Amino acid sequence: MVFVFGSFALNGDPTVKQFGIGLAAAVILDATVVRCLLVPARMARLGTANWYLPRWLGRLLPRLNIEGEQYFKARDQTPPVTQLPAPQASTAAS
């Protein structure tokens, strides 16, 4: 018995099923072993060396300020803008 959903048959090609099982296994392996075990263990072993960046690369990369600290410092140092007086209405009849 073949179930058809749209233009796809649900029994499908065995090769596609093998790719699906392989991809699911790879995602599970990556999520559990690599990201939950190996990365935290490596970070614990290396300590502050995790955040090492060569000077030459630091000069090439752009300086990003996510929290806007430099923007707020510059904004606070500029004097506030004073408001201009409202224009006077003219009494001359034209």
N, C-alpha and C. Protein backbone atom coordinates (compact mmCIF):
# COMPACT_ATOMS: atom_id res chain seq x y z
N MET A 1 0.85 -1.16 0.00
CA MET A 1 0.00 0.00 0.00
C MET A 1 0.90 1.23 0.00
N VAL A 2 0.62 2.17 -0.87
CA VAL A 2 1.41 3.39 -1.02
C VAL A 2 0.53 4.58 -0.66
N PHE A 3 1.01 5.38 0.28
CA PHE A 3 0.32 6.61 0.65
C PHE A 3 0.97 7.75 -0.10
N VAL A 4 0.16 8.54 -0.73
CA VAL A 4 0.69 9.67 -1.50
C VAL A 4 0.31 10.95 -0.78
N PHE A 5 1.31 11.78 -0.51
CA PHE A 5 1.11 13.07 0.13
C PHE A 5 1.63 14.12 -0.84
N GLY A 6 0.73 14.83 -1.47
CA GLY A 6 1.15 15.78 -2.50
C GLY A 6 1.70 14.99 -3.67
N SER A 7 2.94 15.31 -4.07
CA SER A 7 3.56 14.56 -5.15
C SER A 7 4.59 13.57 -4.62
N PHE A 8 4.64 13.40 -3.28
CA PHE A 8 5.63 12.50 -2.69
C PHE A 8 4.95 11.24 -2.18
N ALA A 9 5.53 10.11 -2.48
CA ALA A 9 5.03 8.85 -1.95
C ALA A 9 5.68 8.63 -0.58
N LEU A 10 4.90 8.21 0.40
CA LEU A 10 5.42 8.07 1.76
C LEU A 10 6.31 6.85 1.93
N ASN A 11 6.20 5.85 1.05
CA ASN A 11 7.11 4.72 1.22
C ASN A 11 8.50 5.09 0.73
N GLY A 12 8.63 5.95 -0.26
CA GLY A 12 9.88 6.57 -0.69
C GLY A 12 10.97 5.62 -1.14
N ASP A 13 12.04 6.22 -1.55
CA ASP A 13 13.23 5.52 -2.01
C ASP A 13 14.08 5.13 -0.80
N PRO A 14 14.60 3.91 -0.77
CA PRO A 14 15.44 3.51 0.38
C PRO A 14 16.69 4.37 0.53
N THR A 15 17.20 4.90 -0.56
CA THR A 15 18.38 5.76 -0.48
C THR A 15 18.07 7.03 0.29
N VAL A 16 16.91 7.61 0.06
CA VAL A 16 16.51 8.82 0.77
C VAL A 16 16.33 8.52 2.25
N LYS A 17 15.77 7.37 2.56
CA LYS A 17 15.61 6.99 3.97
C LYS A 17 16.97 6.82 4.64
N GLN A 18 17.93 6.26 3.93
CA GLN A 18 19.27 6.09 4.50
C GLN A 18 19.93 7.44 4.76
N PHE A 19 19.75 8.37 3.83
CA PHE A 19 20.28 9.72 4.05
C PHE A 19 19.62 10.37 5.26
N GLY A 20 18.33 10.18 5.41
CA GLY A 20 17.62 10.76 6.54
C GLY A 20 18.10 10.20 7.86
N ILE A 21 18.27 8.87 7.93
CA ILE A 21 18.78 8.25 9.16
C ILE A 21 20.21 8.70 9.43
N GLY A 22 21.02 8.77 8.40
CA GLY A 22 22.40 9.23 8.57
C GLY A 22 22.48 10.66 9.06
N LEU A 23 21.65 11.52 8.52
CA LEU A 23 21.64 12.92 8.95
C LEU A 23 21.15 13.05 10.38
N ALA A 24 20.13 12.30 10.73
CA ALA A 24 19.62 12.35 12.11
C ALA A 24 20.69 11.86 13.09
N ALA A 25 21.40 10.80 12.74
CA ALA A 25 22.47 10.29 13.61
C ALA A 25 23.59 11.32 13.74
N ALA A 26 23.94 11.99 12.63
CA ALA A 26 25.01 12.98 12.68
C ALA A 26 24.61 14.17 13.56
N VAL A 27 23.37 14.60 13.48
CA VAL A 27 22.91 15.73 14.30
C VAL A 27 22.91 15.35 15.77
N ILE A 28 22.45 14.17 16.09
CA ILE A 28 22.44 13.72 17.49
C ILE A 28 23.86 13.59 18.02
N LEU A 29 24.76 13.03 17.21
CA LEU A 29 26.15 12.89 17.62
C LEU A 29 26.79 14.26 17.84
N ASP A 30 26.53 15.18 16.95
CA ASP A 30 27.10 16.53 17.08
C ASP A 30 26.55 17.23 18.31
N ALA A 31 25.25 17.12 18.52
CA ALA A 31 24.62 17.83 19.64
C ALA A 31 25.06 17.27 20.98
N THR A 32 25.16 15.96 21.09
CA THR A 32 25.48 15.38 22.40
C THR A 32 26.98 15.30 22.64
N VAL A 33 27.68 14.64 21.78
CA VAL A 33 29.10 14.39 22.05
C VAL A 33 29.94 15.65 21.88
N VAL A 34 29.80 16.31 20.76
CA VAL A 34 30.68 17.44 20.48
C VAL A 34 30.32 18.64 21.33
N ARG A 35 29.07 19.08 21.28
CA ARG A 35 28.71 20.34 21.93
C ARG A 35 28.47 20.22 23.42
N CYS A 36 28.11 19.04 23.90
CA CYS A 36 27.86 18.90 25.34
C CYS A 36 29.04 18.31 26.10
N LEU A 37 29.95 17.62 25.41
CA LEU A 37 31.07 17.00 26.10
C LEU A 37 32.42 17.58 25.71
N LEU A 38 32.72 17.59 24.42
CA LEU A 38 34.07 17.98 24.00
C LEU A 38 34.33 19.48 24.13
N VAL A 39 33.41 20.31 23.72
CA VAL A 39 33.64 21.76 23.79
C VAL A 39 33.77 22.25 25.23
N PRO A 40 32.87 21.89 26.16
CA PRO A 40 33.07 22.34 27.54
C PRO A 40 34.35 21.78 28.18
N ALA A 41 34.71 20.55 27.85
CA ALA A 41 35.95 19.97 28.40
C ALA A 41 37.17 20.72 27.89
N ARG A 42 37.18 21.06 26.61
CA ARG A 42 38.29 21.81 26.04
C ARG A 42 38.37 23.19 26.65
N MET A 43 37.24 23.84 26.85
CA MET A 43 37.25 25.17 27.43
C MET A 43 37.72 25.15 28.88
N ALA A 44 37.38 24.10 29.61
CA ALA A 44 37.83 23.98 31.00
C ALA A 44 39.33 23.75 31.06
N ARG A 45 39.87 22.98 30.12
CA ARG A 45 41.31 22.69 30.12
C ARG A 45 42.14 23.91 29.71
N LEU A 46 41.67 24.68 28.73
CA LEU A 46 42.47 25.78 28.21
C LEU A 46 42.34 27.06 29.02
N GLY A 47 41.25 27.23 29.74
CA GLY A 47 41.09 28.42 30.57
C GLY A 47 41.06 29.69 29.76
N THR A 48 41.92 30.66 30.09
CA THR A 48 41.91 31.94 29.38
C THR A 48 42.49 31.84 27.99
N ALA A 49 43.18 30.77 27.68
CA ALA A 49 43.74 30.60 26.33
C ALA A 49 42.64 30.41 25.29
N ASN A 50 41.41 30.13 25.73
CA ASN A 50 40.29 30.03 24.79
C ASN A 50 40.09 31.34 24.05
N TRP A 51 40.39 32.44 24.70
CA TRP A 51 40.08 33.75 24.15
C TRP A 51 41.30 34.42 23.55
N TYR A 52 42.35 33.65 23.25
CA TYR A 52 43.56 34.20 22.65
C TYR A 52 43.29 34.62 21.21
N LEU A 53 43.73 35.82 20.85
CA LEU A 53 43.60 36.32 19.48
C LEU A 53 44.94 36.94 19.10
N PRO A 54 45.56 36.48 18.02
CA PRO A 54 46.84 37.08 17.61
C PRO A 54 46.69 38.57 17.33
N ARG A 55 47.76 39.33 17.62
CA ARG A 55 47.68 40.78 17.45
C ARG A 55 47.40 41.18 16.01
N TRP A 56 48.03 40.48 15.06
CA TRP A 56 47.84 40.85 13.66
C TRP A 56 46.38 40.66 13.24
N LEU A 57 45.73 39.63 13.80
CA LEU A 57 44.34 39.40 13.46
C LEU A 57 43.44 40.42 14.17
N GLY A 58 43.82 40.80 15.38
CA GLY A 58 43.06 41.82 16.11
C GLY A 58 43.07 43.16 15.41
N ARG A 59 44.19 43.48 14.71
CA ARG A 59 44.26 44.73 13.96
C ARG A 59 43.41 44.68 12.70
N LEU A 60 43.25 43.49 12.12
CA LEU A 60 42.48 43.37 10.88
C LEU A 60 40.98 43.35 11.13
N LEU A 61 40.56 42.80 12.24
CA LEU A 61 39.13 42.66 12.52
C LEU A 61 38.53 44.01 12.92
N PRO A 62 37.30 44.26 12.54
CA PRO A 62 36.67 45.54 12.94
C PRO A 62 36.36 45.54 14.43
N ARG A 63 36.37 46.72 15.00
CA ARG A 63 36.03 46.88 16.42
C ARG A 63 34.52 46.98 16.54
N LEU A 64 33.91 45.99 17.15
CA LEU A 64 32.47 45.99 17.34
C LEU A 64 32.17 46.27 18.80
N ASN A 65 31.20 47.11 19.03
CA ASN A 65 30.79 47.44 20.38
C ASN A 65 29.30 47.14 20.48
N ILE A 66 28.98 45.96 20.94
CA ILE A 66 27.61 45.49 20.92
C ILE A 66 26.73 46.28 21.88
N GLU A 67 27.25 46.59 23.04
CA GLU A 67 26.43 47.24 24.05
C GLU A 67 26.41 48.76 23.92
N GLY A 68 27.18 49.32 22.99
CA GLY A 68 27.13 50.74 22.73
C GLY A 68 27.82 51.61 23.76
N GLU A 69 28.80 51.09 24.46
CA GLU A 69 29.46 51.86 25.51
C GLU A 69 30.14 53.10 24.94
N GLN A 70 30.83 52.97 23.81
CA GLN A 70 31.50 54.12 23.21
C GLN A 70 30.49 55.16 22.73
N TYR A 71 29.39 54.72 22.19
CA TYR A 71 28.36 55.65 21.73
C TYR A 71 27.81 56.47 22.89
N PHE A 72 27.52 55.81 24.01
CA PHE A 72 26.95 56.53 25.15
C PHE A 72 27.97 57.46 25.78
N LYS A 73 29.25 57.09 25.80
CA LYS A 73 30.27 58.00 26.32
C LYS A 73 30.37 59.25 25.47
N ALA A 74 30.37 59.08 24.14
CA ALA A 74 30.45 60.23 23.25
C ALA A 74 29.19 61.09 23.36
N ARG A 75 28.06 60.46 23.50
CA ARG A 75 26.80 61.20 23.62
C ARG A 75 26.77 62.01 24.90
N ASP A 76 27.26 61.44 25.99
CA ASP A 76 27.23 62.14 27.27
C ASP A 76 28.23 63.29 27.33
N GLN A 77 29.28 63.27 26.50
CA GLN A 77 30.28 64.33 26.51
C GLN A 77 29.88 65.53 25.67
N THR A 78 28.97 65.37 24.74
CA THR A 78 28.55 66.50 23.92
C THR A 78 27.57 67.36 24.71
N PRO A 79 27.67 68.69 24.56
CA PRO A 79 26.76 69.56 25.30
C PRO A 79 25.35 69.42 24.73
N PRO A 80 24.35 69.62 25.56
CA PRO A 80 22.97 69.52 25.07
C PRO A 80 22.65 70.65 24.09
N VAL A 81 21.80 70.36 23.16
CA VAL A 81 21.39 71.36 22.17
C VAL A 81 20.38 72.29 22.81
N THR A 82 20.64 73.59 22.70
CA THR A 82 19.68 74.55 23.25
C THR A 82 18.61 74.82 22.21
N GLN A 83 17.42 75.06 22.67
CA GLN A 83 16.32 75.32 21.75
C GLN A 83 16.37 76.77 21.29
N LEU A 84 16.07 76.97 20.04
CA LEU A 84 16.02 78.32 19.49
C LEU A 84 14.71 78.97 19.93
N PRO A 85 14.72 80.28 20.10
CA PRO A 85 13.46 80.95 20.47
C PRO A 85 12.45 80.84 19.33
N ALA A 86 11.20 80.80 19.69
CA ALA A 86 10.13 80.69 18.70
C ALA A 86 10.08 81.97 17.88
N PRO A 87 9.81 81.87 16.59
CA PRO A 87 9.75 83.08 15.75
C PRO A 87 8.58 83.95 16.18
N GLN A 88 8.79 85.27 16.08
CA GLN A 88 7.77 86.24 16.45
C GLN A 88 6.80 86.43 15.29
N ALA A 89 5.54 86.53 15.62
CA ALA A 89 4.54 86.77 14.58
C ALA A 89 4.64 88.22 14.15
N SER A 90 4.58 88.45 12.88
CA SER A 90 4.67 89.83 12.39
C SER A 90 3.30 90.50 12.49
N THR A 91 3.31 91.80 12.82
CA THR A 91 2.06 92.57 12.93
C THR A 91 1.79 93.39 11.70
N ALA A 92 2.71 93.41 10.79
CA ALA A 92 2.53 94.21 9.57
C ALA A 92 1.52 93.52 8.68
N ALA A 93 0.60 94.31 8.14
CA ALA A 93 -0.40 93.76 7.21
C ALA A 93 0.20 93.76 5.82
N SER A 94 0.03 92.69 5.14
CA SER A 94 0.60 92.64 3.80
C SER A 94 -0.47 92.55 2.74
